[in-house]
Amino acid sequence: MKRVAVIGAILEKPQVCQKPFNDIVSSFKGIVRGRMGIPFEGENMAVISLTVVAELDVINALTGKLGALPHVTVKTAISDKTVE
């Protein structure tokens, strides 16, 4: 059963972690419904929000891979309701 989730990520030192972050997100492109990125250049960080629709194990796999990157903090909110 698929669920809707929002993955929020803070990238500290984006010049170091943004490329691997984007590579991981691209490998899950089939589940990504929306993406918003906000650079904080003066603070040397970026905030990225991903909206995804997938099975829980796929959402957890994406979140786990992103959260394992150095300089990346990830939090996920997952809907209780399932969707088709």
N, C-alpha and C. Protein backbone atom coordinates (compact mmCIF):
# COMPACT_ATOMS: atom_id res chain seq x y z
N MET A 1 0.84 -1.18 0.00
CA MET A 1 0.00 0.00 0.00
C MET A 1 0.89 1.26 0.00
N LYS A 2 0.57 2.16 -0.87
CA LYS A 2 1.37 3.39 -1.00
C LYS A 2 0.88 4.44 -0.02
N ARG A 3 1.81 5.28 0.38
CA ARG A 3 1.51 6.42 1.25
C ARG A 3 2.17 7.67 0.70
N VAL A 4 1.63 8.80 1.13
CA VAL A 4 2.21 10.09 0.78
C VAL A 4 3.14 10.47 1.92
N ALA A 5 4.32 10.98 1.56
CA ALA A 5 5.28 11.41 2.58
C ALA A 5 5.95 12.70 2.14
N VAL A 6 6.38 13.45 3.14
CA VAL A 6 7.19 14.65 2.91
C VAL A 6 8.52 14.41 3.60
N ILE A 7 9.57 14.52 2.83
CA ILE A 7 10.93 14.35 3.37
C ILE A 7 11.57 15.72 3.39
N GLY A 8 11.94 16.16 4.57
CA GLY A 8 12.63 17.44 4.73
C GLY A 8 14.09 17.18 5.00
N ALA A 9 14.96 17.88 4.28
CA ALA A 9 16.40 17.68 4.45
C ALA A 9 17.11 19.01 4.58
N ILE A 10 18.05 19.06 5.50
CA ILE A 10 18.93 20.22 5.65
C ILE A 10 20.32 19.78 5.23
N LEU A 11 20.86 20.47 4.25
CA LEU A 11 22.20 20.17 3.76
C LEU A 11 23.15 21.23 4.27
N GLU A 12 24.03 20.85 5.18
CA GLU A 12 25.08 21.74 5.63
C GLU A 12 26.29 21.46 4.74
N LYS A 13 26.95 22.49 4.31
CA LYS A 13 28.03 22.36 3.33
C LYS A 13 27.49 21.74 2.03
N PRO A 14 26.53 22.39 1.39
CA PRO A 14 25.93 21.81 0.18
C PRO A 14 26.94 21.57 -0.94
N GLN A 15 28.02 22.34 -0.97
CA GLN A 15 29.03 22.12 -2.01
C GLN A 15 29.65 20.73 -1.89
N VAL A 16 29.57 20.12 -0.71
CA VAL A 16 30.12 18.79 -0.48
C VAL A 16 29.07 17.71 -0.71
N CYS A 17 27.83 17.93 -0.24
CA CYS A 17 26.84 16.85 -0.20
C CYS A 17 25.71 16.96 -1.22
N GLN A 18 25.62 18.06 -1.94
CA GLN A 18 24.48 18.21 -2.85
C GLN A 18 24.51 17.24 -4.02
N LYS A 19 25.68 16.97 -4.59
CA LYS A 19 25.77 16.03 -5.71
C LYS A 19 25.36 14.62 -5.30
N PRO A 20 25.91 14.05 -4.22
CA PRO A 20 25.44 12.72 -3.84
C PRO A 20 23.97 12.71 -3.43
N PHE A 21 23.48 13.79 -2.81
CA PHE A 21 22.07 13.91 -2.46
C PHE A 21 21.21 13.83 -3.72
N ASN A 22 21.56 14.63 -4.73
CA ASN A 22 20.79 14.64 -5.98
C ASN A 22 20.86 13.30 -6.70
N ASP A 23 22.02 12.64 -6.64
CA ASP A 23 22.15 11.32 -7.28
C ASP A 23 21.19 10.31 -6.65
N ILE A 24 21.09 10.33 -5.32
CA ILE A 24 20.18 9.40 -4.63
C ILE A 24 18.73 9.72 -4.99
N VAL A 25 18.37 11.00 -4.94
CA VAL A 25 16.99 11.39 -5.28
C VAL A 25 16.67 10.98 -6.72
N SER A 26 17.61 11.16 -7.64
CA SER A 26 17.38 10.77 -9.04
C SER A 26 17.15 9.27 -9.18
N SER A 27 17.80 8.48 -8.33
CA SER A 27 17.61 7.03 -8.42
C SER A 27 16.23 6.61 -7.93
N PHE A 28 15.52 7.50 -7.23
CA PHE A 28 14.15 7.26 -6.77
C PHE A 28 13.14 8.13 -7.52
N LYS A 29 13.51 8.61 -8.71
CA LYS A 29 12.68 9.59 -9.41
C LYS A 29 11.26 9.12 -9.69
N GLY A 30 11.02 7.83 -9.75
CA GLY A 30 9.69 7.32 -10.02
C GLY A 30 8.68 7.58 -8.91
N ILE A 31 9.16 7.88 -7.70
CA ILE A 31 8.24 8.12 -6.58
C ILE A 31 8.14 9.59 -6.20
N VAL A 32 9.02 10.42 -6.75
CA VAL A 32 9.04 11.84 -6.37
C VAL A 32 7.95 12.59 -7.13
N ARG A 33 7.05 13.23 -6.39
CA ARG A 33 5.96 14.01 -7.01
C ARG A 33 6.28 15.51 -7.01
N GLY A 34 7.14 15.95 -6.09
CA GLY A 34 7.48 17.36 -6.03
C GLY A 34 8.76 17.57 -5.26
N ARG A 35 9.43 18.67 -5.59
CA ARG A 35 10.69 18.99 -4.92
C ARG A 35 10.80 20.50 -4.83
N MET A 36 11.23 20.98 -3.67
CA MET A 36 11.47 22.41 -3.49
C MET A 36 12.79 22.56 -2.77
N GLY A 37 13.65 23.39 -3.29
CA GLY A 37 14.93 23.65 -2.65
C GLY A 37 15.12 25.13 -2.39
N ILE A 38 15.62 25.44 -1.22
CA ILE A 38 15.88 26.83 -0.86
C ILE A 38 17.33 26.95 -0.41
N PRO A 39 18.15 27.68 -1.16
CA PRO A 39 19.53 27.87 -0.75
C PRO A 39 19.65 28.94 0.34
N PHE A 40 20.51 28.71 1.29
CA PHE A 40 20.87 29.69 2.30
C PHE A 40 22.37 29.92 2.14
N GLU A 41 22.73 30.67 1.10
CA GLU A 41 24.14 30.81 0.73
C GLU A 41 24.96 31.47 1.84
N GLY A 42 24.41 32.47 2.50
CA GLY A 42 25.13 33.15 3.57
C GLY A 42 25.42 32.24 4.75
N GLU A 43 24.57 31.26 4.96
CA GLU A 43 24.73 30.31 6.06
C GLU A 43 25.41 29.02 5.61
N ASN A 44 25.75 28.92 4.32
CA ASN A 44 26.38 27.73 3.75
C ASN A 44 25.54 26.48 4.00
N MET A 45 24.25 26.58 3.68
CA MET A 45 23.35 25.44 3.81
C MET A 45 22.22 25.56 2.81
N ALA A 46 21.46 24.47 2.67
CA ALA A 46 20.28 24.45 1.80
C ALA A 46 19.22 23.61 2.47
N VAL A 47 17.96 23.95 2.21
CA VAL A 47 16.83 23.18 2.72
C VAL A 47 16.07 22.63 1.52
N ILE A 48 15.81 21.33 1.55
CA ILE A 48 15.12 20.67 0.45
C ILE A 48 13.93 19.90 0.99
N SER A 49 12.80 20.04 0.31
CA SER A 49 11.59 19.31 0.66
C SER A 49 11.19 18.44 -0.53
N LEU A 50 10.98 17.15 -0.25
CA LEU A 50 10.54 16.21 -1.28
C LEU A 50 9.17 15.67 -0.91
N THR A 51 8.26 15.63 -1.87
CA THR A 51 6.98 14.96 -1.68
C THR A 51 7.03 13.68 -2.51
N VAL A 52 6.78 12.55 -1.83
CA VAL A 52 6.87 11.25 -2.50
C VAL A 52 5.61 10.43 -2.26
N VAL A 53 5.35 9.49 -3.17
CA VAL A 53 4.25 8.54 -3.02
C VAL A 53 4.85 7.16 -3.30
N ALA A 54 4.84 6.30 -2.27
CA ALA A 54 5.45 4.97 -2.43
C ALA A 54 5.06 4.08 -1.25
N GLU A 55 5.46 2.82 -1.35
CA GLU A 55 5.30 1.90 -0.24
C GLU A 55 6.23 2.34 0.89
N LEU A 56 5.86 1.98 2.09
CA LEU A 56 6.61 2.41 3.27
C LEU A 56 8.08 1.98 3.21
N ASP A 57 8.36 0.79 2.76
CA ASP A 57 9.75 0.34 2.72
C ASP A 57 10.58 1.13 1.71
N VAL A 58 9.97 1.59 0.64
CA VAL A 58 10.68 2.40 -0.35
C VAL A 58 10.95 3.80 0.22
N ILE A 59 9.96 4.37 0.90
CA ILE A 59 10.15 5.68 1.54
C ILE A 59 11.27 5.58 2.57
N ASN A 60 11.27 4.52 3.37
CA ASN A 60 12.31 4.34 4.38
C ASN A 60 13.69 4.14 3.75
N ALA A 61 13.75 3.44 2.61
CA ALA A 61 15.02 3.24 1.92
C ALA A 61 15.59 4.58 1.45
N LEU A 62 14.74 5.41 0.85
CA LEU A 62 15.19 6.73 0.40
C LEU A 62 15.65 7.57 1.57
N THR A 63 14.83 7.64 2.61
CA THR A 63 15.18 8.44 3.78
C THR A 63 16.48 7.95 4.41
N GLY A 64 16.66 6.64 4.51
CA GLY A 64 17.87 6.09 5.09
C GLY A 64 19.11 6.43 4.30
N LYS A 65 19.03 6.34 2.97
CA LYS A 65 20.18 6.67 2.14
C LYS A 65 20.54 8.15 2.23
N LEU A 66 19.51 9.00 2.23
CA LEU A 66 19.78 10.44 2.34
C LEU A 66 20.36 10.78 3.70
N GLY A 67 19.79 10.20 4.75
CA GLY A 67 20.25 10.49 6.11
C GLY A 67 21.63 9.97 6.41
N ALA A 68 22.11 9.00 5.63
CA ALA A 68 23.45 8.45 5.84
C ALA A 68 24.54 9.34 5.24
N LEU A 69 24.16 10.31 4.43
CA LEU A 69 25.15 11.20 3.82
C LEU A 69 25.73 12.14 4.88
N PRO A 70 27.04 12.39 4.83
CA PRO A 70 27.62 13.38 5.73
C PRO A 70 27.04 14.76 5.46
N HIS A 71 26.82 15.53 6.50
CA HIS A 71 26.33 16.91 6.44
C HIS A 71 24.86 17.02 6.04
N VAL A 72 24.11 15.90 6.10
CA VAL A 72 22.69 15.91 5.74
C VAL A 72 21.86 15.44 6.93
N THR A 73 20.84 16.23 7.30
CA THR A 73 19.89 15.87 8.35
C THR A 73 18.53 15.70 7.69
N VAL A 74 17.85 14.58 7.98
CA VAL A 74 16.60 14.26 7.31
C VAL A 74 15.52 13.92 8.33
N LYS A 75 14.32 14.42 8.09
CA LYS A 75 13.12 14.06 8.86
C LYS A 75 12.01 13.78 7.86
N THR A 76 11.17 12.81 8.20
CA THR A 76 10.10 12.41 7.28
C THR A 76 8.76 12.38 7.99
N ALA A 77 7.74 12.90 7.34
CA ALA A 77 6.35 12.80 7.81
C ALA A 77 5.62 11.92 6.81
N ILE A 78 4.97 10.85 7.31
CA ILE A 78 4.30 9.89 6.45
C ILE A 78 2.81 9.86 6.80
N SER A 79 1.96 9.90 5.76
CA SER A 79 0.53 9.86 5.98
C SER A 79 0.09 8.51 6.56
N ASP A 80 -0.96 8.53 7.36
CA ASP A 80 -1.56 7.30 7.85
C ASP A 80 -2.43 6.65 6.77
N LYS A 81 -3.00 7.48 5.94
CA LYS A 81 -3.90 7.02 4.88
C LYS A 81 -3.11 6.44 3.72
N THR A 82 -3.59 5.33 3.16
CA THR A 82 -2.96 4.77 1.97
C THR A 82 -3.61 5.33 0.72
N VAL A 83 -2.85 5.36 -0.37
CA VAL A 83 -3.33 5.86 -1.66
C VAL A 83 -3.02 4.84 -2.73
N GLU A 84 -3.63 5.01 -3.88
CA GLU A 84 -3.37 4.08 -5.00
C GLU A 84 -2.39 4.65 -5.98
